[in-house]
């Protein structure tokens, strides 16, 4: 991505030739699955879509949206259907007897790109992978902290703010939703999506001032906080040492994911 002023050093995974080939094959398979049957769209274009379509893009999580929904919902442990039962045993319509409803994530985040933003909806699987905790665990921590309001966001979600991901989303035009199908903070995949965006939106890439991706921190296996962006772009080099962590870095005074 020399046009963006970013030079990526070649870094090879440890191990013998066979394991290296296996690693490359695995990454290729993952990349192919991520990009399969998807169109590259900027956030601006995603906001204008009026049909059901699957898109890939790159953006920064800038806000946790709590306008209309709680961050979770009570559900059946077997079929995951939503229930109005908040606590205690119940029998779901699927026939499953539940001792307690389980909580499942439904988290909306604002994803920003240049001066444009769009709400992306994370359902339970994707959100649990991203946060590293299931919804019931987060709620237990909330209760221990004296917060029993399910409609109130927990600080665990604030840890996502300021980080860059490649997203694969399904646009549901009827409900005006963008459902997150996959996400990735892998450098190689982010670069691929960035290049796809550049190919489809050439007119938006004339100058850095109008480049929706020029300021993105490009880091493999972890995501940079906004405070680290200038340092990374200024160095124009990603060192092997920076490839060692697969955790999110600290964002100001917020904790790392476990």
C-alpha atoms as a PDB file:
ATOM      1  CA  UNK A   1       0.000   0.000   0.000  1.00  0.00           C
ATOM      2  CA  UNK A   2       2.719   2.408  -0.957  1.00  0.00           C
ATOM      3  CA  UNK A   3       0.133   4.839  -2.311  1.00  0.00           C
ATOM      4  CA  UNK A   4      -1.093   5.209   1.265  1.00  0.00           C
ATOM      5  CA  UNK A   5       2.412   5.755   2.591  1.00  0.00           C
ATOM      6  CA  UNK A   6       2.421   2.412   4.394  1.00  0.00           C
ATOM      7  CA  UNK A   7       5.095  -0.194   3.750  1.00  0.00           C
ATOM      8  CA  UNK A   8       4.484  -3.658   5.146  1.00  0.00           C
ATOM      9  CA  UNK A   9       7.539  -5.763   5.963  1.00  0.00           C
ATOM     10  CA  UNK A  10       7.331  -9.418   4.911  1.00  0.00           C
ATOM     11  CA  UNK A  11       7.066 -11.589   8.009  1.00  0.00           C
ATOM     12  CA  UNK A  12       7.024 -15.372   7.837  1.00  0.00           C
ATOM     13  CA  UNK A  13       5.368 -17.589  10.443  1.00  0.00           C
ATOM     14  CA  UNK A  14       7.651 -19.791  12.541  1.00  0.00           C
ATOM     15  CA  UNK A  15       7.960 -23.490  11.818  1.00  0.00           C
ATOM     16  CA  UNK A  16       8.980 -25.706   8.958  1.00  0.00           C
ATOM     17  CA  UNK A  17       8.018 -25.358   5.335  1.00  0.00           C
ATOM     18  CA  UNK A  18       5.044 -27.662   5.704  1.00  0.00           C
ATOM     19  CA  UNK A  19       3.520 -25.700   8.553  1.00  0.00           C
ATOM     20  CA  UNK A  20       4.143 -22.466   6.662  1.00  0.00           C
ATOM     21  CA  UNK A  21       2.310 -23.807   3.627  1.00  0.00           C
ATOM     22  CA  UNK A  22      -0.547 -24.978   5.832  1.00  0.00           C
ATOM     23  CA  UNK A  23      -0.742 -21.561   7.472  1.00  0.00           C
ATOM     24  CA  UNK A  24      -0.844 -19.828   4.091  1.00  0.00           C
ATOM     25  CA  UNK A  25      -3.537 -22.226   2.870  1.00  0.00           C
ATOM     26  CA  UNK A  26      -5.597 -21.599   6.000  1.00  0.00           C
ATOM     27  CA  UNK A  27      -5.340 -17.836   5.588  1.00  0.00           C
ATOM     28  CA  UNK A  28      -6.282 -18.124   1.917  1.00  0.00           C
ATOM     29  CA  UNK A  29      -9.325 -20.205   2.787  1.00  0.00           C
ATOM     30  CA  UNK A  30     -10.343 -17.718   5.469  1.00  0.00           C
ATOM     31  CA  UNK A  31      -9.893 -14.780   3.096  1.00  0.00           C
ATOM     32  CA  UNK A  32     -11.877 -16.493   0.352  1.00  0.00           C
ATOM     33  CA  UNK A  33     -14.726 -17.231   2.765  1.00  0.00           C
ATOM     34  CA  UNK A  34     -14.722 -13.631   3.970  1.00  0.00           C
ATOM     35  CA  UNK A  35     -14.875 -12.170   0.462  1.00  0.00           C
ATOM     36  CA  UNK A  36     -17.177 -14.792  -1.056  1.00  0.00           C
ATOM     37  CA  UNK A  37     -20.334 -13.397  -2.709  1.00  0.00           C
ATOM     38  CA  UNK A  38     -19.685  -9.904  -1.333  1.00  0.00           C
ATOM     39  CA  UNK A  39     -19.293  -6.481  -2.913  1.00  0.00           C
ATOM     40  CA  UNK A  40     -16.797  -3.933  -1.613  1.00  0.00           C
ATOM     41  CA  UNK A  41     -18.652  -0.797  -0.514  1.00  0.00           C
ATOM     42  CA  UNK A  42     -17.657   2.325   1.369  1.00  0.00           C
ATOM     43  CA  UNK A  43     -19.780   3.315   4.365  1.00  0.00           C
ATOM     44  CA  UNK A  44     -21.244   6.129   2.278  1.00  0.00           C
ATOM     45  CA  UNK A  45     -22.408   3.643  -0.351  1.00  0.00           C
ATOM     46  CA  UNK A  46     -23.717   1.220   2.270  1.00  0.00           C
ATOM     47  CA  UNK A  47     -25.942   3.973   3.649  1.00  0.00           C
ATOM     48  CA  UNK A  48     -27.471   4.432   0.187  1.00  0.00           C
ATOM     49  CA  UNK A  49     -28.199   0.761  -0.509  1.00  0.00           C
ATOM     50  CA  UNK A  50     -31.903   0.004  -1.018  1.00  0.00           C
ATOM     51  CA  UNK A  51     -31.664  -3.729  -1.741  1.00  0.00           C
ATOM     52  CA  UNK A  52     -30.651  -6.855   0.136  1.00  0.00           C
ATOM     53  CA  UNK A  53     -26.954  -7.433  -0.523  1.00  0.00           C
ATOM     54  CA  UNK A  54     -23.773  -8.651   1.192  1.00  0.00           C
ATOM     55  CA  UNK A  55     -20.897  -6.160   1.425  1.00  0.00           C
ATOM     56  CA  UNK A  56     -17.357  -5.934   2.754  1.00  0.00           C
ATOM     57  CA  UNK A  57     -15.820  -2.732   4.064  1.00  0.00           C
ATOM     58  CA  UNK A  58     -13.302  -1.397   6.566  1.00  0.00           C
ATOM     59  CA  UNK A  59     -14.183   0.952   9.403  1.00  0.00           C
ATOM     60  CA  UNK A  60     -13.549   2.138  12.941  1.00  0.00           C
ATOM     61  CA  UNK A  61     -15.943   1.341  15.790  1.00  0.00           C
ATOM     62  CA  UNK A  62     -16.777   4.828  17.045  1.00  0.00           C
ATOM     63  CA  UNK A  63     -19.836   4.360  19.271  1.00  0.00           C
ATOM     64  CA  UNK A  64     -21.930   1.755  21.072  1.00  0.00           C
ATOM     65  CA  UNK A  65     -25.552   2.433  20.098  1.00  0.00           C
ATOM     66  CA  UNK A  66     -28.146   1.948  22.839  1.00  0.00           C
ATOM     67  CA  UNK A  67     -31.035   3.937  21.340  1.00  0.00           C
ATOM     68  CA  UNK A  68     -33.773   1.373  20.846  1.00  0.00           C
ATOM     69  CA  UNK A  69     -32.620  -1.948  22.289  1.00  0.00           C
ATOM     70  CA  UNK A  70     -30.797  -3.541  25.168  1.00  0.00           C
ATOM     71  CA  UNK A  71     -27.369  -5.042  24.460  1.00  0.00           C
ATOM     72  CA  UNK A  72     -28.813  -8.520  25.064  1.00  0.00           C
ATOM     73  CA  UNK A  73     -32.034 -10.508  25.201  1.00  0.00           C
ATOM     74  CA  UNK A  74     -33.230 -13.556  27.226  1.00  0.00           C
ATOM     75  CA  UNK A  75     -33.568 -16.701  25.132  1.00  0.00           C
ATOM     76  CA  UNK A  76     -34.091 -20.446  25.111  1.00  0.00           C
ATOM     77  CA  UNK A  77     -30.893 -22.397  25.688  1.00  0.00           C
ATOM     78  CA  UNK A  78     -31.710 -24.764  22.809  1.00  0.00           C
ATOM     79  CA  UNK A  79     -33.314 -22.820  19.937  1.00  0.00           C
ATOM     80  CA  UNK A  80     -32.153 -19.340  21.024  1.00  0.00           C
ATOM     81  CA  UNK A  81     -35.640 -17.940  20.513  1.00  0.00           C
ATOM     82  CA  UNK A  82     -36.305 -14.761  22.461  1.00  0.00           C
ATOM     83  CA  UNK A  83     -38.497 -15.093  25.550  1.00  0.00           C
ATOM     84  CA  UNK A  84     -40.300 -12.605  27.763  1.00  0.00           C
ATOM     85  CA  UNK A  85     -39.240 -14.615  30.827  1.00  0.00           C
ATOM     86  CA  UNK A  86     -36.500 -12.701  32.637  1.00  0.00           C
ATOM     87  CA  UNK A  87     -35.706 -15.274  35.312  1.00  0.00           C
ATOM     88  CA  UNK A  88     -36.860 -18.677  36.502  1.00  0.00           C
ATOM     89  CA  UNK A  89     -37.835 -21.908  34.730  1.00  0.00           C
ATOM     90  CA  UNK A  90     -39.928 -21.924  31.562  1.00  0.00           C
ATOM     91  CA  UNK A  91     -40.824 -24.165  28.647  1.00  0.00           C
ATOM     92  CA  UNK A  92     -39.975 -22.778  25.230  1.00  0.00           C
ATOM     93  CA  UNK A  93     -42.234 -23.165  22.210  1.00  0.00           C
ATOM     94  CA  UNK A  94     -39.636 -25.579  20.794  1.00  0.00           C
ATOM     95  CA  UNK A  95     -40.423 -27.930  23.693  1.00  0.00           C
ATOM     96  CA  UNK A  96     -37.214 -27.367  25.652  1.00  0.00           C
ATOM     97  CA  UNK A  97     -37.562 -27.062  29.439  1.00  0.00           C
ATOM     98  CA  UNK A  98     -35.253 -24.278  30.631  1.00  0.00           C
ATOM     99  CA  UNK A  99     -34.103 -23.789  34.220  1.00  0.00           C
ATOM    100  CA  UNK A 100     -33.267 -20.188  33.355  1.00  0.00           C
ATOM    101  CA  UNK A 101     -33.242 -18.140  30.162  1.00  0.00           C
ATOM    102  CA  UNK A 102     -29.787 -17.511  28.745  1.00  0.00           C
ATOM    103  CA  UNK A 103     -28.703 -14.061  27.673  1.00  0.00           C
ATOM    104  CA  UNK A 104     -27.609 -13.536  24.085  1.00  0.00           C
ATOM    105  CA  UNK A 105     -25.950 -10.495  22.564  1.00  0.00           C
ATOM    106  CA  UNK A 106     -27.638  -7.990  20.304  1.00  0.00           C
ATOM    107  CA  UNK A 107     -25.197  -5.089  20.065  1.00  0.00           C
ATOM    108  CA  UNK A 108     -25.338  -2.203  17.624  1.00  0.00           C
ATOM    109  CA  UNK A 109     -22.151  -0.253  16.982  1.00  0.00           C
ATOM    110  CA  UNK A 110     -21.505   2.837  14.906  1.00  0.00           C
ATOM    111  CA  UNK A 111     -18.802   2.168  12.325  1.00  0.00           C
ATOM    112  CA  UNK A 112     -17.075   5.219  10.872  1.00  0.00           C
ATOM    113  CA  UNK A 113     -15.087   5.769   7.706  1.00  0.00           C
ATOM    114  CA  UNK A 114     -13.849   9.241   6.886  1.00  0.00           C
ATOM    115  CA  UNK A 115     -16.863  11.501   7.591  1.00  0.00           C
ATOM    116  CA  UNK A 116     -19.481   8.771   7.129  1.00  0.00           C
ATOM    117  CA  UNK A 117     -20.960   6.401   9.705  1.00  0.00           C
ATOM    118  CA  UNK A 118     -23.351   3.474   9.716  1.00  0.00           C
ATOM    119  CA  UNK A 119     -24.868   1.226  12.372  1.00  0.00           C
ATOM    120  CA  UNK A 120     -23.716  -2.402  12.259  1.00  0.00           C
ATOM    121  CA  UNK A 121     -25.584  -5.046  14.250  1.00  0.00           C
ATOM    122  CA  UNK A 122     -23.638  -7.835  15.988  1.00  0.00           C
ATOM    123  CA  UNK A 123     -25.593 -10.921  16.990  1.00  0.00           C
ATOM    124  CA  UNK A 124     -24.494 -13.322  19.702  1.00  0.00           C
ATOM    125  CA  UNK A 125     -21.802 -15.444  18.046  1.00  0.00           C
ATOM    126  CA  UNK A 126     -19.900 -12.581  16.455  1.00  0.00           C
ATOM    127  CA  UNK A 127     -20.168 -10.402  19.538  1.00  0.00           C
ATOM    128  CA  UNK A 128     -19.027 -13.150  21.917  1.00  0.00           C
ATOM    129  CA  UNK A 129     -15.995 -13.809  19.710  1.00  0.00           C
ATOM    130  CA  UNK A 130     -15.186 -10.111  19.546  1.00  0.00           C
ATOM    131  CA  UNK A 131     -15.517  -9.431  23.267  1.00  0.00           C
ATOM    132  CA  UNK A 132     -14.222 -12.762  24.545  1.00  0.00           C
ATOM    133  CA  UNK A 133     -17.093 -13.265  26.996  1.00  0.00           C
ATOM    134  CA  UNK A 134     -20.601 -14.620  26.665  1.00  0.00           C
ATOM    135  CA  UNK A 135     -23.478 -12.298  27.524  1.00  0.00           C
ATOM    136  CA  UNK A 136     -24.283 -14.038  30.824  1.00  0.00           C
ATOM    137  CA  UNK A 137     -20.696 -13.485  32.006  1.00  0.00           C
ATOM    138  CA  UNK A 138     -20.861  -9.779  31.188  1.00  0.00           C
ATOM    139  CA  UNK A 139     -24.183  -9.497  32.999  1.00  0.00           C
ATOM    140  CA  UNK A 140     -22.776 -11.213  36.101  1.00  0.00           C
ATOM    141  CA  UNK A 141     -20.001  -8.625  36.209  1.00  0.00           C
ATOM    142  CA  UNK A 142     -22.594  -5.847  35.829  1.00  0.00           C
ATOM    143  CA  UNK A 143     -24.586  -7.239  38.755  1.00  0.00           C
ATOM    144  CA  UNK A 144     -21.450  -7.549  40.890  1.00  0.00           C
ATOM    145  CA  UNK A 145     -20.808  -3.882  40.127  1.00  0.00           C
ATOM    146  CA  UNK A 146     -24.306  -3.043  41.349  1.00  0.00           C
ATOM    147  CA  UNK A 147     -25.798  -2.528  37.884  1.00  0.00           C
ATOM    148  CA  UNK A 148     -28.882  -4.672  37.253  1.00  0.00           C
ATOM    149  CA  UNK A 149     -30.271  -2.668  34.316  1.00  0.00           C
ATOM    150  CA  UNK A 150     -30.073  -4.758  31.139  1.00  0.00           C
ATOM    151  CA  UNK A 151     -30.777  -1.634  29.100  1.00  0.00           C
ATOM    152  CA  UNK A 152     -27.565  -0.012  30.334  1.00  0.00           C
ATOM    153  CA  UNK A 153     -24.365  -0.681  28.430  1.00  0.00           C
ATOM    154  CA  UNK A 154     -21.400  -2.172  30.266  1.00  0.00           C
ATOM    155  CA  UNK A 155     -17.882  -0.774  30.083  1.00  0.00           C
ATOM    156  CA  UNK A 156     -16.730  -3.972  28.363  1.00  0.00           C
ATOM    157  CA  UNK A 157     -18.245  -2.607  25.155  1.00  0.00           C
ATOM    158  CA  UNK A 158     -16.283   0.622  25.472  1.00  0.00           C
ATOM    159  CA  UNK A 159     -13.129  -1.418  24.918  1.00  0.00           C
ATOM    160  CA  UNK A 160     -14.154  -1.781  21.280  1.00  0.00           C
ATOM    161  CA  UNK A 161     -14.095   1.944  20.621  1.00  0.00           C
ATOM    162  CA  UNK A 162     -11.419   3.269  18.314  1.00  0.00           C
ATOM    163  CA  UNK A 163     -10.458  -0.037  16.707  1.00  0.00           C
ATOM    164  CA  UNK A 164     -10.421  -0.860  13.015  1.00  0.00           C
ATOM    165  CA  UNK A 165     -11.873  -4.003  11.447  1.00  0.00           C
ATOM    166  CA  UNK A 166     -12.743  -5.417   8.077  1.00  0.00           C
ATOM    167  CA  UNK A 167     -16.460  -6.212   8.170  1.00  0.00           C
ATOM    168  CA  UNK A 168     -18.665  -8.471   6.093  1.00  0.00           C
ATOM    169  CA  UNK A 169     -22.278  -7.377   6.499  1.00  0.00           C
ATOM    170  CA  UNK A 170     -25.659  -8.346   5.134  1.00  0.00           C
ATOM    171  CA  UNK A 171     -27.854  -5.366   4.307  1.00  0.00           C
ATOM    172  CA  UNK A 172     -31.525  -5.928   5.150  1.00  0.00           C
ATOM    173  CA  UNK A 173     -33.203  -3.064   3.337  1.00  0.00           C
ATOM    174  CA  UNK A 174     -36.661  -3.786   4.779  1.00  0.00           C
ATOM    175  CA  UNK A 175     -35.421  -3.326   8.343  1.00  0.00           C
ATOM    176  CA  UNK A 176     -32.641  -0.876   7.434  1.00  0.00           C
ATOM    177  CA  UNK A 177     -30.138  -3.159   9.157  1.00  0.00           C
ATOM    178  CA  UNK A 178     -26.530  -4.067   8.445  1.00  0.00           C
ATOM    179  CA  UNK A 179     -25.949  -7.455  10.084  1.00  0.00           C
ATOM    180  CA  UNK A 180     -22.326  -8.389  10.798  1.00  0.00           C
ATOM    181  CA  UNK A 181     -21.643 -11.818   9.298  1.00  0.00           C
ATOM    182  CA  UNK A 182     -17.879 -11.788   9.802  1.00  0.00           C
ATOM    183  CA  UNK A 183     -15.213  -9.424  11.044  1.00  0.00           C
ATOM    184  CA  UNK A 184     -11.422  -9.482  10.954  1.00  0.00           C
ATOM    185  CA  UNK A 185      -8.465  -7.504  12.277  1.00  0.00           C
ATOM    186  CA  UNK A 186      -5.962  -9.420  10.118  1.00  0.00           C
ATOM    187  CA  UNK A 187      -3.656  -7.063   8.242  1.00  0.00           C
ATOM    188  CA  UNK A 188      -3.636  -9.074   5.008  1.00  0.00           C
ATOM    189  CA  UNK A 189      -7.406  -9.188   4.795  1.00  0.00           C
ATOM    190  CA  UNK A 190      -7.822  -5.533   5.747  1.00  0.00           C
ATOM    191  CA  UNK A 191      -5.385  -4.601   2.989  1.00  0.00           C
ATOM    192  CA  UNK A 192      -7.298  -6.693   0.456  1.00  0.00           C
ATOM    193  CA  UNK A 193     -10.571  -4.979   1.331  1.00  0.00           C
ATOM    194  CA  UNK A 194      -8.921  -1.559   1.267  1.00  0.00           C
ATOM    195  CA  UNK A 195      -7.619  -2.254  -2.228  1.00  0.00           C
ATOM    196  CA  UNK A 196     -11.070  -3.423  -3.315  1.00  0.00           C
ATOM    197  CA  UNK A 197     -12.557  -0.191  -1.994  1.00  0.00           C
ATOM    198  CA  UNK A 198      -9.910   1.788  -3.836  1.00  0.00           C
ATOM    199  CA  UNK A 199     -10.725  -0.014  -7.087  1.00  0.00           C
ATOM    200  CA  UNK A 200     -14.455   0.676  -6.770  1.00  0.00           C
ATOM    201  CA  UNK A 201     -14.216   4.239  -5.472  1.00  0.00           C
ATOM    202  CA  UNK A 202     -11.334   5.762  -7.424  1.00  0.00           C
ATOM    203  CA  UNK A 203     -12.899   9.202  -7.380  1.00  0.00           C
ATOM    204  CA  UNK A 204     -12.742   9.267  -3.592  1.00  0.00           C
ATOM    205  CA  UNK A 205      -9.014   8.634  -3.453  1.00  0.00           C
ATOM    206  CA  UNK A 206      -7.637  11.749  -5.126  1.00  0.00           C
ATOM    207  CA  UNK A 207      -6.130  13.218  -1.964  1.00  0.00           C
ATOM    208  CA  UNK A 208      -5.567  12.022   1.573  1.00  0.00           C
ATOM    209  CA  UNK A 209      -8.089  14.615   2.768  1.00  0.00           C
ATOM    210  CA  UNK A 210     -10.809  12.759   0.886  1.00  0.00           C
ATOM    211  CA  UNK A 211      -9.435   9.267   1.340  1.00  0.00           C
ATOM    212  CA  UNK A 212     -11.754   7.266   3.621  1.00  0.00           C
ATOM    213  CA  UNK A 213      -8.970   4.789   4.402  1.00  0.00           C
ATOM    214  CA  UNK A 214      -5.873   6.987   4.517  1.00  0.00           C
ATOM    215  CA  UNK A 215      -5.964   7.343   8.277  1.00  0.00           C
ATOM    216  CA  UNK A 216      -6.700   3.737   9.133  1.00  0.00           C
ATOM    217  CA  UNK A 217      -4.141   1.977  11.338  1.00  0.00           C
ATOM    218  CA  UNK A 218      -3.056  -1.163   9.529  1.00  0.00           C
ATOM    219  CA  UNK A 219      -2.056  -3.720  12.149  1.00  0.00           C
ATOM    220  CA  UNK A 220      -2.133  -7.514  11.885  1.00  0.00           C
ATOM    221  CA  UNK A 221      -3.700  -9.694  14.588  1.00  0.00           C
ATOM    222  CA  UNK A 222      -4.497  -6.725  16.777  1.00  0.00           C
ATOM    223  CA  UNK A 223      -6.064  -3.324  16.357  1.00  0.00           C
ATOM    224  CA  UNK A 224      -4.506   0.027  17.079  1.00  0.00           C
ATOM    225  CA  UNK A 225      -6.125   2.683  19.180  1.00  0.00           C
ATOM    226  CA  UNK A 226      -6.653   6.047  17.559  1.00  0.00           C
ATOM    227  CA  UNK A 227      -3.784   7.423  19.670  1.00  0.00           C
ATOM    228  CA  UNK A 228      -1.377   5.072  17.886  1.00  0.00           C
ATOM    229  CA  UNK A 229      -2.430   5.841  14.333  1.00  0.00           C
ATOM    230  CA  UNK A 230      -0.085   8.770  13.718  1.00  0.00           C
ATOM    231  CA  UNK A 231       2.922   6.858  15.045  1.00  0.00           C
ATOM    232  CA  UNK A 232       2.260   3.882  12.770  1.00  0.00           C
ATOM    233  CA  UNK A 233       1.636   5.885   9.621  1.00  0.00           C
ATOM    234  CA  UNK A 234       4.612   8.102  10.405  1.00  0.00           C
ATOM    235  CA  UNK A 235       6.976   5.165  10.634  1.00  0.00           C
ATOM    236  CA  UNK A 236       5.592   3.599   7.417  1.00  0.00           C
ATOM    237  CA  UNK A 237       6.854   0.278   8.753  1.00  0.00           C
ATOM    238  CA  UNK A 238       5.256  -2.616  10.608  1.00  0.00           C
ATOM    239  CA  UNK A 239       7.912  -4.511  12.494  1.00  0.00           C
ATOM    240  CA  UNK A 240       7.927  -8.260  13.237  1.00  0.00           C
ATOM    241  CA  UNK A 241       7.647  -7.465  16.950  1.00  0.00           C
ATOM    242  CA  UNK A 242       4.276  -5.853  16.315  1.00  0.00           C
ATOM    243  CA  UNK A 243       2.999  -9.101  14.843  1.00  0.00           C
ATOM    244  CA  UNK A 244       3.374 -11.058  18.063  1.00  0.00           C
ATOM    245  CA  UNK A 245       0.118 -10.068  19.785  1.00  0.00           C
ATOM    246  CA  UNK A 246      -3.321 -11.281  18.806  1.00  0.00           C
ATOM    247  CA  UNK A 247      -5.079  -9.151  21.415  1.00  0.00           C
ATOM    248  CA  UNK A 248      -6.534  -5.724  21.154  1.00  0.00           C
ATOM    249  CA  UNK A 249      -4.134  -3.068  22.368  1.00  0.00           C
ATOM    250  CA  UNK A 250      -5.041  -0.670  25.136  1.00  0.00           C
ATOM    251  CA  UNK A 251      -7.297   2.195  24.198  1.00  0.00           C
ATOM    252  CA  UNK A 252      -6.429   5.120  26.490  1.00  0.00           C
ATOM    253  CA  UNK A 253      -7.069   3.860  30.032  1.00  0.00           C
ATOM    254  CA  UNK A 254      -9.337   0.948  29.111  1.00  0.00           C
ATOM    255  CA  UNK A 255      -8.388  -2.638  29.890  1.00  0.00           C
ATOM    256  CA  UNK A 256      -7.222  -5.195  27.379  1.00  0.00           C
ATOM    257  CA  UNK A 257      -9.355  -8.146  26.449  1.00  0.00           C
ATOM    258  CA  UNK A 258      -8.542 -11.285  28.324  1.00  0.00           C
END
